[in-house]
């Protein structure tokens, strides 16, 4: 918490600056979110955690079931209470990333889609680029491995140990409507099942689960059904409409649950930014700022606690 809580605050400010400066419209809403509970055990744990987070300048608010249903009528009688976190925001990740890439290209960034990197290219003990599976070497003054769940393999190419493995997550998008999803006012996480429910204009995204099954994109139906069951427990009005989108992806999970950010393996000019687990999008801008400060010279004290050297 000592490492992560300040990063969350920095991330919020950076997102707002980025979206304003680059004029990116992606459904950004700083409305906070609810940690919603259906059991006394869950509520006790959520309340305990909120007390810890409060020490780091956040302002969580305990809300009982009746007050929660007054604020959000879509919740059913099984919900007994929640913790509200006002310092939080949501956006549409796909729209954000598409428009962010275009903004980066306007500033001179070259994007190579479908280029498979197989190794870091070294010269005199320094990283000077990356080698593609085609044999082409793409050179650079510095190399940053922001390669998610696939970082372990590339780190191994320079003799570095990077304990990251893929943790598969799933999402189901359900249109808002009479036989679909309720029109939620604010995002929430369902505490006991760790399913995050995000209202996105015309649909609600139900996302969660953590599957450790290696590097694969197999879509397991039972995992998707788990999202719906969890949602229906808290939202009795959730209908049986066919989801508009179903998807799975691999999160980079580090051994100790903290991101891995900073210089890698004692190789000059080589850095890594991975291991963010379920907070990759959330901590993207602040991670970028930390890495930029490191690569360009002034350094960044926030690397402490995130450095690969801890392994």
Protein backbone atom coordinates (compact mmCIF):
# COMPACT_ATOMS: atom_id res chain seq x y z
CA UNK A 1 0.00 0.00 0.00
CA UNK A 2 2.89 2.37 0.77
CA UNK A 3 4.12 1.95 -2.81
CA UNK A 4 0.83 1.73 -4.69
CA UNK A 5 -1.43 4.32 -3.02
CA UNK A 6 0.60 7.37 -4.10
CA UNK A 7 0.82 6.01 -7.66
CA UNK A 8 -2.97 5.85 -7.85
CA UNK A 9 -3.27 9.51 -6.97
CA UNK A 10 -0.58 10.50 -9.47
CA UNK A 11 -2.30 8.44 -12.16
CA UNK A 12 -5.60 10.27 -11.76
CA UNK A 13 -4.01 13.68 -12.27
CA UNK A 14 -1.95 12.50 -15.23
CA UNK A 15 -4.98 11.00 -16.96
CA UNK A 16 -6.92 14.24 -16.62
CA UNK A 17 -3.99 16.29 -17.97
CA UNK A 18 -3.41 13.88 -20.84
CA UNK A 19 -7.04 13.77 -21.93
CA UNK A 20 -7.34 17.55 -21.80
CA UNK A 21 -4.06 18.32 -23.59
CA UNK A 22 -4.57 15.77 -26.36
CA UNK A 23 -8.35 16.35 -26.54
CA UNK A 24 -9.14 12.66 -26.19
CA UNK A 25 -12.85 11.92 -25.77
CA UNK A 26 -13.20 8.42 -24.32
CA UNK A 27 -16.09 8.51 -21.86
CA UNK A 28 -13.94 9.65 -18.93
CA UNK A 29 -15.97 10.09 -15.74
CA UNK A 30 -14.48 10.89 -12.32
CA UNK A 31 -17.49 9.65 -10.35
CA UNK A 32 -15.70 7.23 -8.03
CA UNK A 33 -16.78 3.62 -7.48
CA UNK A 34 -18.42 1.36 -4.89
CA UNK A 35 -16.90 -1.74 -3.29
CA UNK A 36 -20.18 -3.66 -2.92
CA UNK A 37 -20.73 -6.50 -0.44
CA UNK A 38 -23.33 -9.24 -0.01
CA UNK A 39 -21.87 -10.88 3.14
CA UNK A 40 -20.81 -9.66 6.56
CA UNK A 41 -17.37 -11.17 6.02
CA UNK A 42 -16.98 -9.25 2.77
CA UNK A 43 -18.16 -6.01 4.31
CA UNK A 44 -15.81 -6.42 7.26
CA UNK A 45 -12.87 -6.94 4.91
CA UNK A 46 -13.85 -3.98 2.72
CA UNK A 47 -14.18 -1.73 5.78
CA UNK A 48 -10.80 -2.85 7.12
CA UNK A 49 -9.13 -2.17 3.77
CA UNK A 50 -10.73 1.27 3.52
CA UNK A 51 -9.23 2.15 6.88
CA UNK A 52 -5.75 1.35 5.56
CA UNK A 53 -6.27 3.28 2.33
CA UNK A 54 -7.56 6.28 4.26
CA UNK A 55 -4.11 6.71 5.82
CA UNK A 56 -2.75 7.59 2.39
CA UNK A 57 -5.00 10.57 1.72
CA UNK A 58 -8.03 8.84 0.23
CA UNK A 59 -11.55 9.48 1.50
CA UNK A 60 -13.59 6.23 1.53
CA UNK A 61 -17.18 6.38 2.79
CA UNK A 62 -19.10 3.50 4.41
CA UNK A 63 -22.62 3.13 2.97
CA UNK A 64 -25.31 0.76 4.27
CA UNK A 65 -27.57 -1.24 1.98
CA UNK A 66 -30.57 1.07 2.13
CA UNK A 67 -28.51 4.17 1.37
CA UNK A 68 -26.73 2.35 -1.44
CA UNK A 69 -30.06 1.39 -3.06
CA UNK A 70 -31.23 4.98 -2.72
CA UNK A 71 -28.16 6.14 -4.63
CA UNK A 72 -28.22 3.22 -7.09
CA UNK A 73 -31.69 1.64 -7.41
CA UNK A 74 -30.34 -1.20 -9.57
CA UNK A 75 -28.90 -2.98 -6.52
CA UNK A 76 -31.02 -5.79 -5.11
CA UNK A 77 -31.85 -6.83 -1.52
CA UNK A 78 -28.86 -9.19 -1.23
CA UNK A 79 -26.48 -6.22 -1.11
CA UNK A 80 -25.93 -5.30 2.56
CA UNK A 81 -23.48 -2.41 2.23
CA UNK A 82 -20.52 -0.89 0.43
CA UNK A 83 -17.53 1.39 0.65
CA UNK A 84 -17.56 4.35 -1.74
CA UNK A 85 -14.24 5.63 -3.13
CA UNK A 86 -14.65 9.13 -4.58
CA UNK A 87 -11.04 9.32 -5.86
CA UNK A 88 -11.58 7.09 -8.87
CA UNK A 89 -12.55 7.42 -12.52
CA UNK A 90 -13.59 5.26 -15.48
CA UNK A 91 -13.19 5.45 -19.25
CA UNK A 92 -13.64 3.24 -22.29
CA UNK A 93 -10.23 1.52 -22.65
CA UNK A 94 -10.57 0.61 -26.33
CA UNK A 95 -11.59 4.12 -27.35
CA UNK A 96 -8.89 5.67 -25.16
CA UNK A 97 -6.08 3.53 -26.57
CA UNK A 98 -7.13 4.03 -30.18
CA UNK A 99 -7.23 7.81 -29.80
CA UNK A 100 -4.10 7.90 -27.64
CA UNK A 101 -2.14 6.09 -30.38
CA UNK A 102 -3.29 8.68 -32.91
CA UNK A 103 -2.21 11.48 -30.56
CA UNK A 104 1.20 9.83 -30.15
CA UNK A 105 1.58 9.47 -33.91
CA UNK A 106 0.85 13.18 -34.34
CA UNK A 107 3.84 13.80 -32.07
CA UNK A 108 6.14 11.61 -34.17
CA UNK A 109 5.71 8.16 -32.66
CA UNK A 110 6.13 5.28 -35.11
CA UNK A 111 3.82 2.35 -34.40
CA UNK A 112 4.68 -1.08 -35.84
CA UNK A 113 1.69 -3.42 -35.56
CA UNK A 114 2.21 -7.17 -35.86
CA UNK A 115 5.97 -6.91 -35.36
CA UNK A 116 7.13 -9.83 -33.18
CA UNK A 117 10.17 -9.00 -31.02
CA UNK A 118 12.28 -12.06 -30.22
CA UNK A 119 15.32 -10.57 -28.46
CA UNK A 120 17.01 -7.45 -27.16
CA UNK A 121 20.00 -6.48 -29.29
CA UNK A 122 23.19 -5.79 -27.32
CA UNK A 123 26.48 -4.15 -28.26
CA UNK A 124 29.31 -3.79 -25.76
CA UNK A 125 26.96 -4.64 -22.90
CA UNK A 126 24.47 -1.95 -23.89
CA UNK A 127 20.97 -2.31 -25.33
CA UNK A 128 20.94 -0.81 -28.82
CA UNK A 129 17.62 -2.09 -30.15
CA UNK A 130 15.41 -5.14 -30.59
CA UNK A 131 15.48 -7.98 -33.08
CA UNK A 132 12.28 -9.05 -34.85
CA UNK A 133 11.38 -12.58 -35.92
CA UNK A 134 12.04 -11.44 -39.50
CA UNK A 135 15.68 -10.82 -38.57
CA UNK A 136 15.32 -7.03 -38.79
CA UNK A 137 16.92 -5.02 -35.99
CA UNK A 138 15.10 -1.88 -34.87
CA UNK A 139 17.69 0.37 -33.25
CA UNK A 140 17.35 2.92 -30.48
CA UNK A 141 19.22 4.92 -27.85
CA UNK A 142 17.27 3.07 -25.15
CA UNK A 143 15.00 0.02 -24.97
CA UNK A 144 11.97 -0.32 -22.68
CA UNK A 145 10.30 -3.72 -22.36
CA UNK A 146 6.65 -2.78 -21.85
CA UNK A 147 5.70 -6.24 -22.98
CA UNK A 148 3.09 -7.33 -20.45
CA UNK A 149 2.69 -11.03 -19.79
CA UNK A 150 5.38 -11.85 -22.38
CA UNK A 151 8.17 -9.98 -20.55
CA UNK A 152 9.79 -13.02 -18.94
CA UNK A 153 10.87 -14.48 -22.28
CA UNK A 154 12.50 -11.26 -23.52
CA UNK A 155 14.23 -10.58 -20.20
CA UNK A 156 15.72 -14.06 -20.43
CA UNK A 157 17.37 -13.09 -23.72
CA UNK A 158 19.71 -10.77 -21.77
CA UNK A 159 20.15 -13.15 -18.84
CA UNK A 160 17.72 -11.36 -16.51
CA UNK A 161 15.20 -13.05 -14.23
CA UNK A 162 11.77 -11.43 -14.40
CA UNK A 163 9.13 -13.36 -12.41
CA UNK A 164 6.00 -12.50 -14.41
CA UNK A 165 3.31 -14.91 -15.56
CA UNK A 166 0.04 -14.45 -17.46
CA UNK A 167 -3.16 -14.20 -15.45
CA UNK A 168 -6.11 -14.43 -17.80
CA UNK A 169 -9.08 -12.11 -17.27
CA UNK A 170 -12.46 -12.06 -19.02
CA UNK A 171 -15.08 -9.48 -19.85
CA UNK A 172 -18.67 -9.49 -21.01
CA UNK A 173 -20.32 -6.37 -22.41
CA UNK A 174 -24.12 -6.31 -22.08
CA UNK A 175 -26.30 -3.65 -23.70
CA UNK A 176 -28.44 -1.57 -21.37
CA UNK A 177 -32.13 -2.36 -21.88
CA UNK A 178 -35.25 -4.20 -20.66
CA UNK A 179 -33.70 -7.66 -21.05
CA UNK A 180 -30.12 -6.52 -20.68
CA UNK A 181 -28.01 -4.65 -18.15
CA UNK A 182 -29.34 -2.02 -15.73
CA UNK A 183 -28.40 1.60 -16.35
CA UNK A 184 -25.79 2.00 -13.62
CA UNK A 185 -24.99 5.47 -12.38
CA UNK A 186 -21.56 4.66 -10.92
CA UNK A 187 -19.04 1.85 -11.41
CA UNK A 188 -18.67 -0.82 -8.75
CA UNK A 189 -16.66 -3.90 -7.83
CA UNK A 190 -18.56 -6.87 -6.43
CA UNK A 191 -16.43 -7.64 -3.40
CA UNK A 192 -16.94 -11.36 -2.91
CA UNK A 193 -16.46 -12.26 -6.59
CA UNK A 194 -14.04 -9.48 -7.63
CA UNK A 195 -16.15 -8.66 -10.69
CA UNK A 196 -15.92 -5.04 -11.82
CA UNK A 197 -19.05 -3.51 -13.35
CA UNK A 198 -18.44 -0.43 -15.49
CA UNK A 199 -21.19 1.63 -17.16
CA UNK A 200 -20.06 2.68 -20.65
CA UNK A 201 -22.63 4.83 -22.43
CA UNK A 202 -24.94 2.19 -23.97
CA UNK A 203 -23.66 -0.95 -22.22
CA UNK A 204 -22.22 -2.29 -18.98
CA UNK A 205 -18.91 -4.18 -18.87
CA UNK A 206 -18.64 -7.08 -16.42
CA UNK A 207 -14.96 -7.98 -16.03
CA UNK A 208 -12.92 -10.18 -13.75
CA UNK A 209 -11.64 -13.68 -12.88
CA UNK A 210 -8.01 -14.73 -12.64
CA UNK A 211 -7.00 -17.84 -14.56
CA UNK A 212 -3.43 -19.15 -14.47
CA UNK A 213 -3.24 -21.45 -17.48
CA UNK A 214 -0.16 -20.19 -19.35
CA UNK A 215 0.08 -18.19 -22.57
CA UNK A 216 -3.18 -18.89 -24.40
CA UNK A 217 -6.34 -17.10 -25.50
CA UNK A 218 -8.78 -19.96 -24.94
CA UNK A 219 -12.18 -18.50 -24.07
CA UNK A 220 -13.66 -20.72 -21.36
CA UNK A 221 -17.45 -20.41 -21.20
CA UNK A 222 -17.62 -21.24 -17.49
CA UNK A 223 -15.53 -18.16 -16.72
CA UNK A 224 -17.84 -15.93 -18.73
CA UNK A 225 -20.91 -17.39 -17.05
CA UNK A 226 -19.27 -16.67 -13.70
CA UNK A 227 -19.33 -12.95 -14.55
CA UNK A 228 -23.07 -13.07 -15.27
CA UNK A 229 -23.89 -15.04 -12.12
CA UNK A 230 -21.99 -12.56 -9.97
CA UNK A 231 -23.72 -9.64 -11.65
CA UNK A 232 -27.19 -11.14 -11.28
CA UNK A 233 -26.71 -11.66 -7.53
CA UNK A 234 -26.32 -7.90 -7.05
CA UNK A 235 -28.47 -6.74 -9.98
CA UNK A 236 -31.67 -8.83 -10.11
CA UNK A 237 -32.80 -6.89 -13.19
CA UNK A 238 -29.85 -8.18 -15.24
CA UNK A 239 -31.59 -9.96 -18.11
CA UNK A 240 -30.72 -12.74 -20.50
CA UNK A 241 -29.87 -10.66 -23.57
CA UNK A 242 -26.96 -11.96 -25.63
CA UNK A 243 -23.72 -10.12 -24.72
CA UNK A 244 -22.53 -7.68 -27.38
CA UNK A 245 -18.90 -8.61 -26.72
CA UNK A 246 -16.97 -11.38 -24.96
CA UNK A 247 -13.23 -11.29 -24.60
CA UNK A 248 -10.25 -12.57 -22.65
CA UNK A 249 -6.75 -11.19 -22.24
CA UNK A 250 -3.52 -11.90 -20.37
CA UNK A 251 -2.54 -9.68 -17.46
CA UNK A 252 1.13 -9.58 -16.41
CA UNK A 253 1.17 -10.87 -12.83
CA UNK A 254 4.34 -10.34 -10.82
CA UNK A 255 5.49 -12.68 -8.08
CA UNK A 256 4.85 -10.17 -5.27
CA UNK A 257 1.86 -8.30 -6.74
CA UNK A 258 3.76 -5.07 -7.40
CA UNK A 259 4.64 -3.60 -10.82
CA UNK A 260 8.20 -4.10 -12.06
CA UNK A 261 9.54 -0.78 -13.33
CA UNK A 262 13.10 0.42 -13.86
CA UNK A 263 16.54 -0.57 -15.21
CA UNK A 264 16.87 -4.28 -15.97
CA UNK A 265 19.61 -6.85 -15.55
CA UNK A 266 22.52 -4.45 -15.24
CA UNK A 267 22.32 -3.82 -18.99
CA UNK A 268 22.92 -0.16 -19.81
CA UNK A 269 20.07 1.43 -21.75
CA UNK A 270 17.58 -1.35 -20.94
CA UNK A 271 14.48 -0.81 -18.76
CA UNK A 272 11.30 -2.69 -18.06
CA UNK A 273 7.71 -1.69 -17.29
CA UNK A 274 5.49 -4.69 -16.58
CA UNK A 275 3.83 -6.69 -13.80
CA UNK A 276 0.91 -4.31 -13.28
CA UNK A 277 -1.65 -7.10 -12.93
CA UNK A 278 -5.17 -5.68 -13.13
CA UNK A 279 -3.91 -2.07 -12.98
CA UNK A 280 -2.15 -1.78 -16.34
CA UNK A 281 -4.43 0.88 -17.78
CA UNK A 282 -4.81 2.65 -14.44
CA UNK A 283 -1.06 3.01 -13.88
CA UNK A 284 -0.09 3.42 -17.55
CA UNK A 285 0.49 7.20 -17.54
CA UNK A 286 2.34 7.30 -14.22
CA UNK A 287 4.51 4.34 -15.27
CA UNK A 288 5.30 6.15 -18.52
CA UNK A 289 6.30 9.25 -16.57
CA UNK A 290 8.55 7.26 -14.23
CA UNK A 291 10.28 5.47 -17.11
CA UNK A 292 10.68 8.72 -19.07
CA UNK A 293 12.28 10.41 -16.07
CA UNK A 294 14.63 7.47 -15.66
CA UNK A 295 15.61 7.18 -19.34
CA UNK A 296 16.02 10.91 -19.94
CA UNK A 297 18.21 11.52 -16.92
CA UNK A 298 16.69 13.25 -13.89
CA UNK A 299 15.55 9.96 -12.33
CA UNK A 300 12.39 9.28 -10.32
CA UNK A 301 12.22 8.31 -6.65
CA UNK A 302 9.00 6.39 -7.27
CA UNK A 303 11.10 3.59 -8.79
CA UNK A 304 11.94 2.61 -5.21
CA UNK A 305 9.80 -0.41 -4.38
CA UNK A 306 9.16 -1.14 -8.09
CA UNK A 307 12.70 -1.89 -9.25
CA UNK A 308 13.49 -5.30 -10.81
CA UNK A 309 16.52 -5.41 -8.48
CA UNK A 310 14.22 -6.64 -5.68
CA UNK A 311 14.27 -10.07 -7.33
